[in-house]
Amino acid sequence: MKIKKGDKVKIINGKDRGKSGKVLKVSKTAGKISVEGLNLRVKHMRPKKQGEKGQRIQFPAGIDVSNVKLVCPKCSKDARIAYKVLEDKNKVRICKKCKEII
């Protein structure tokens, strides 16, 4: 998976198309990510004690990785990602538009 926790991504498909945010959680097995403040869902919580009120909690639901693009921190454009192996045998991600290391 080319997207990691903490990356800035732009949503390219779905109800939040065009919006961008920071990745909070990555699930490699499900192929989904959670983005801060986007794709919000509402969960209704019952009161746990007598006299307490129930509440509605909003939380970011998972988005499929194919519906987001990584935003390059150098050129600030949404770009595809390539991998390159450096001389010291480290594998790094590279922006395909500006050719800079992410």
C-alpha atoms as a PDB file:
ATOM      1  CA  MET A   1       0.000   0.000   0.000  1.00  0.00           C
ATOM      2  CA  LYS A   2       1.483   3.329  -1.075  1.00  0.00           C
ATOM      3  CA  ILE A   3      -0.384   5.497   1.458  1.00  0.00           C
ATOM      4  CA  LYS A   4       0.764   5.685   5.082  1.00  0.00           C
ATOM      5  CA  LYS A   5      -0.544   7.178   8.307  1.00  0.00           C
ATOM      6  CA  GLY A   6       0.037  10.934   8.448  1.00  0.00           C
ATOM      7  CA  ASP A   7       0.007  11.474   4.655  1.00  0.00           C
ATOM      8  CA  LYS A   8      -2.204  14.150   3.114  1.00  0.00           C
ATOM      9  CA  VAL A   9      -4.645  12.694   0.589  1.00  0.00           C
ATOM     10  CA  LYS A  10      -7.314  14.014  -1.768  1.00  0.00           C
ATOM     11  CA  ILE A  11     -10.561  12.106  -2.312  1.00  0.00           C
ATOM     12  CA  ILE A  12     -11.232  11.514  -6.013  1.00  0.00           C
ATOM     13  CA  ASN A  13     -14.502   9.565  -5.799  1.00  0.00           C
ATOM     14  CA  GLY A  14     -17.573   9.532  -3.561  1.00  0.00           C
ATOM     15  CA  LYS A  15     -19.614  12.086  -1.619  1.00  0.00           C
ATOM     16  CA  ASP A  16     -16.547  14.018  -0.386  1.00  0.00           C
ATOM     17  CA  ARG A  17     -14.951  14.273  -3.859  1.00  0.00           C
ATOM     18  CA  GLY A  18     -12.368  17.060  -4.120  1.00  0.00           C
ATOM     19  CA  LYS A  19     -11.762  17.409  -0.379  1.00  0.00           C
ATOM     20  CA  SER A  20      -8.455  16.612   1.255  1.00  0.00           C
ATOM     21  CA  GLY A  21      -7.307  15.619   4.724  1.00  0.00           C
ATOM     22  CA  LYS A  22      -4.770  13.760   6.818  1.00  0.00           C
ATOM     23  CA  VAL A  23      -4.774   9.959   7.068  1.00  0.00           C
ATOM     24  CA  LEU A  24      -5.617   8.787  10.610  1.00  0.00           C
ATOM     25  CA  LYS A  25      -5.651   5.018  10.208  1.00  0.00           C
ATOM     26  CA  VAL A  26      -4.594   2.500   7.551  1.00  0.00           C
ATOM     27  CA  SER A  27      -6.026  -1.019   7.289  1.00  0.00           C
ATOM     28  CA  LYS A  28      -3.871  -3.035   4.896  1.00  0.00           C
ATOM     29  CA  THR A  29      -5.972  -6.201   5.108  1.00  0.00           C
ATOM     30  CA  ALA A  30      -9.233  -4.414   4.215  1.00  0.00           C
ATOM     31  CA  GLY A  31      -7.558  -1.965   1.816  1.00  0.00           C
ATOM     32  CA  LYS A  32      -9.179   1.036   3.521  1.00  0.00           C
ATOM     33  CA  ILE A  33      -8.034   4.238   5.173  1.00  0.00           C
ATOM     34  CA  SER A  34      -9.671   6.758   7.532  1.00  0.00           C
ATOM     35  CA  VAL A  35      -9.267  10.457   6.707  1.00  0.00           C
ATOM     36  CA  GLU A  36      -9.589  13.189   9.317  1.00  0.00           C
ATOM     37  CA  GLY A  37     -12.953  14.998   9.044  1.00  0.00           C
ATOM     38  CA  LEU A  38     -14.098  13.225   5.865  1.00  0.00           C
ATOM     39  CA  ASN A  39     -16.542  10.383   5.156  1.00  0.00           C
ATOM     40  CA  LEU A  40     -18.187  10.954   8.557  1.00  0.00           C
ATOM     41  CA  ARG A  41     -20.736   8.511   9.922  1.00  0.00           C
ATOM     42  CA  VAL A  42     -23.089   8.902  12.907  1.00  0.00           C
ATOM     43  CA  LYS A  43     -23.271   6.308  15.649  1.00  0.00           C
ATOM     44  CA  HIS A  44     -26.146   6.459  18.153  1.00  0.00           C
ATOM     45  CA  MET A  45     -25.078   5.626  21.718  1.00  0.00           C
ATOM     46  CA  ARG A  46     -27.568   4.510  24.318  1.00  0.00           C
ATOM     47  CA  PRO A  47     -27.432   5.969  27.826  1.00  0.00           C
ATOM     48  CA  LYS A  48     -25.365   3.773  30.148  1.00  0.00           C
ATOM     49  CA  LYS A  49     -26.701   5.080  33.474  1.00  0.00           C
ATOM     50  CA  GLN A  50     -30.181   6.105  34.493  1.00  0.00           C
ATOM     51  CA  GLY A  51     -30.768   9.821  34.053  1.00  0.00           C
ATOM     52  CA  GLU A  52     -28.014  10.091  31.435  1.00  0.00           C
ATOM     53  CA  LYS A  53     -28.897  11.151  27.907  1.00  0.00           C
ATOM     54  CA  GLY A  54     -28.156   9.221  24.774  1.00  0.00           C
ATOM     55  CA  GLN A  55     -25.845  10.806  22.247  1.00  0.00           C
ATOM     56  CA  ARG A  56     -24.802  10.834  18.606  1.00  0.00           C
ATOM     57  CA  ILE A  57     -21.115  10.369  17.873  1.00  0.00           C
ATOM     58  CA  GLN A  58     -19.550  11.258  14.528  1.00  0.00           C
ATOM     59  CA  PHE A  59     -16.524   9.269  13.384  1.00  0.00           C
ATOM     60  CA  PRO A  60     -14.605   8.951  10.093  1.00  0.00           C
ATOM     61  CA  ALA A  61     -15.459   5.708   8.318  1.00  0.00           C
ATOM     62  CA  GLY A  62     -13.087   3.837   6.036  1.00  0.00           C
ATOM     63  CA  ILE A  63     -12.541   4.844   2.408  1.00  0.00           C
ATOM     64  CA  ASP A  64     -11.170   2.430  -0.167  1.00  0.00           C
ATOM     65  CA  VAL A  65      -7.572   3.221  -1.109  1.00  0.00           C
ATOM     66  CA  SER A  66      -8.468   3.306  -4.813  1.00  0.00           C
ATOM     67  CA  ASN A  67     -10.691   6.350  -4.171  1.00  0.00           C
ATOM     68  CA  VAL A  68      -7.899   8.603  -2.865  1.00  0.00           C
ATOM     69  CA  LYS A  69      -4.700  10.135  -4.266  1.00  0.00           C
ATOM     70  CA  LEU A  70      -1.672  11.181  -2.286  1.00  0.00           C
ATOM     71  CA  VAL A  71      -0.924  14.926  -2.244  1.00  0.00           C
ATOM     72  CA  CYS A  72       2.796  15.566  -2.747  1.00  0.00           C
ATOM     73  CA  PRO A  73       4.221  17.722   0.088  1.00  0.00           C
ATOM     74  CA  LYS A  74       6.761  19.333  -2.289  1.00  0.00           C
ATOM     75  CA  CYS A  75       4.631  20.364  -5.297  1.00  0.00           C
ATOM     76  CA  SER A  76       1.205  20.309  -3.504  1.00  0.00           C
ATOM     77  CA  LYS A  77      -0.430  18.406  -6.373  1.00  0.00           C
ATOM     78  CA  ASP A  78      -2.261  15.099  -6.184  1.00  0.00           C
ATOM     79  CA  ALA A  79       0.042  12.640  -7.886  1.00  0.00           C
ATOM     80  CA  ARG A  80       0.715   8.987  -8.449  1.00  0.00           C
ATOM     81  CA  ILE A  81       3.486   7.344  -6.497  1.00  0.00           C
ATOM     82  CA  ALA A  82       6.501   5.361  -7.673  1.00  0.00           C
ATOM     83  CA  TYR A  83       9.145   3.497  -5.688  1.00  0.00           C
ATOM     84  CA  LYS A  84      12.901   3.863  -6.096  1.00  0.00           C
ATOM     85  CA  VAL A  85      15.757   1.974  -4.433  1.00  0.00           C
ATOM     86  CA  LEU A  86      18.605   4.286  -3.396  1.00  0.00           C
ATOM     87  CA  GLU A  87      22.331   3.441  -3.335  1.00  0.00           C
ATOM     88  CA  ASP A  88      22.145   2.586   0.374  1.00  0.00           C
ATOM     89  CA  LYS A  89      19.414   0.029  -0.502  1.00  0.00           C
ATOM     90  CA  ASN A  90      16.569   2.037   1.075  1.00  0.00           C
ATOM     91  CA  LYS A  91      13.246   1.928  -0.761  1.00  0.00           C
ATOM     92  CA  VAL A  92      11.584   5.382  -0.976  1.00  0.00           C
ATOM     93  CA  ARG A  93       8.369   6.783  -2.451  1.00  0.00           C
ATOM     94  CA  ILE A  94       8.669   9.300  -5.291  1.00  0.00           C
ATOM     95  CA  CYS A  95       6.141  11.760  -6.742  1.00  0.00           C
ATOM     96  CA  LYS A  96       5.677  11.051 -10.460  1.00  0.00           C
ATOM     97  CA  LYS A  97       5.029  14.750 -11.252  1.00  0.00           C
ATOM     98  CA  CYS A  98       7.977  16.506  -9.583  1.00  0.00           C
ATOM     99  CA  LYS A  99      10.289  13.465  -9.127  1.00  0.00           C
ATOM    100  CA  GLU A 100      10.939  14.394  -5.452  1.00  0.00           C
ATOM    101  CA  ILE A 101      11.200  11.963  -2.553  1.00  0.00           C
ATOM    102  CA  ILE A 102       8.127  11.884  -0.316  1.00  0.00           C
END
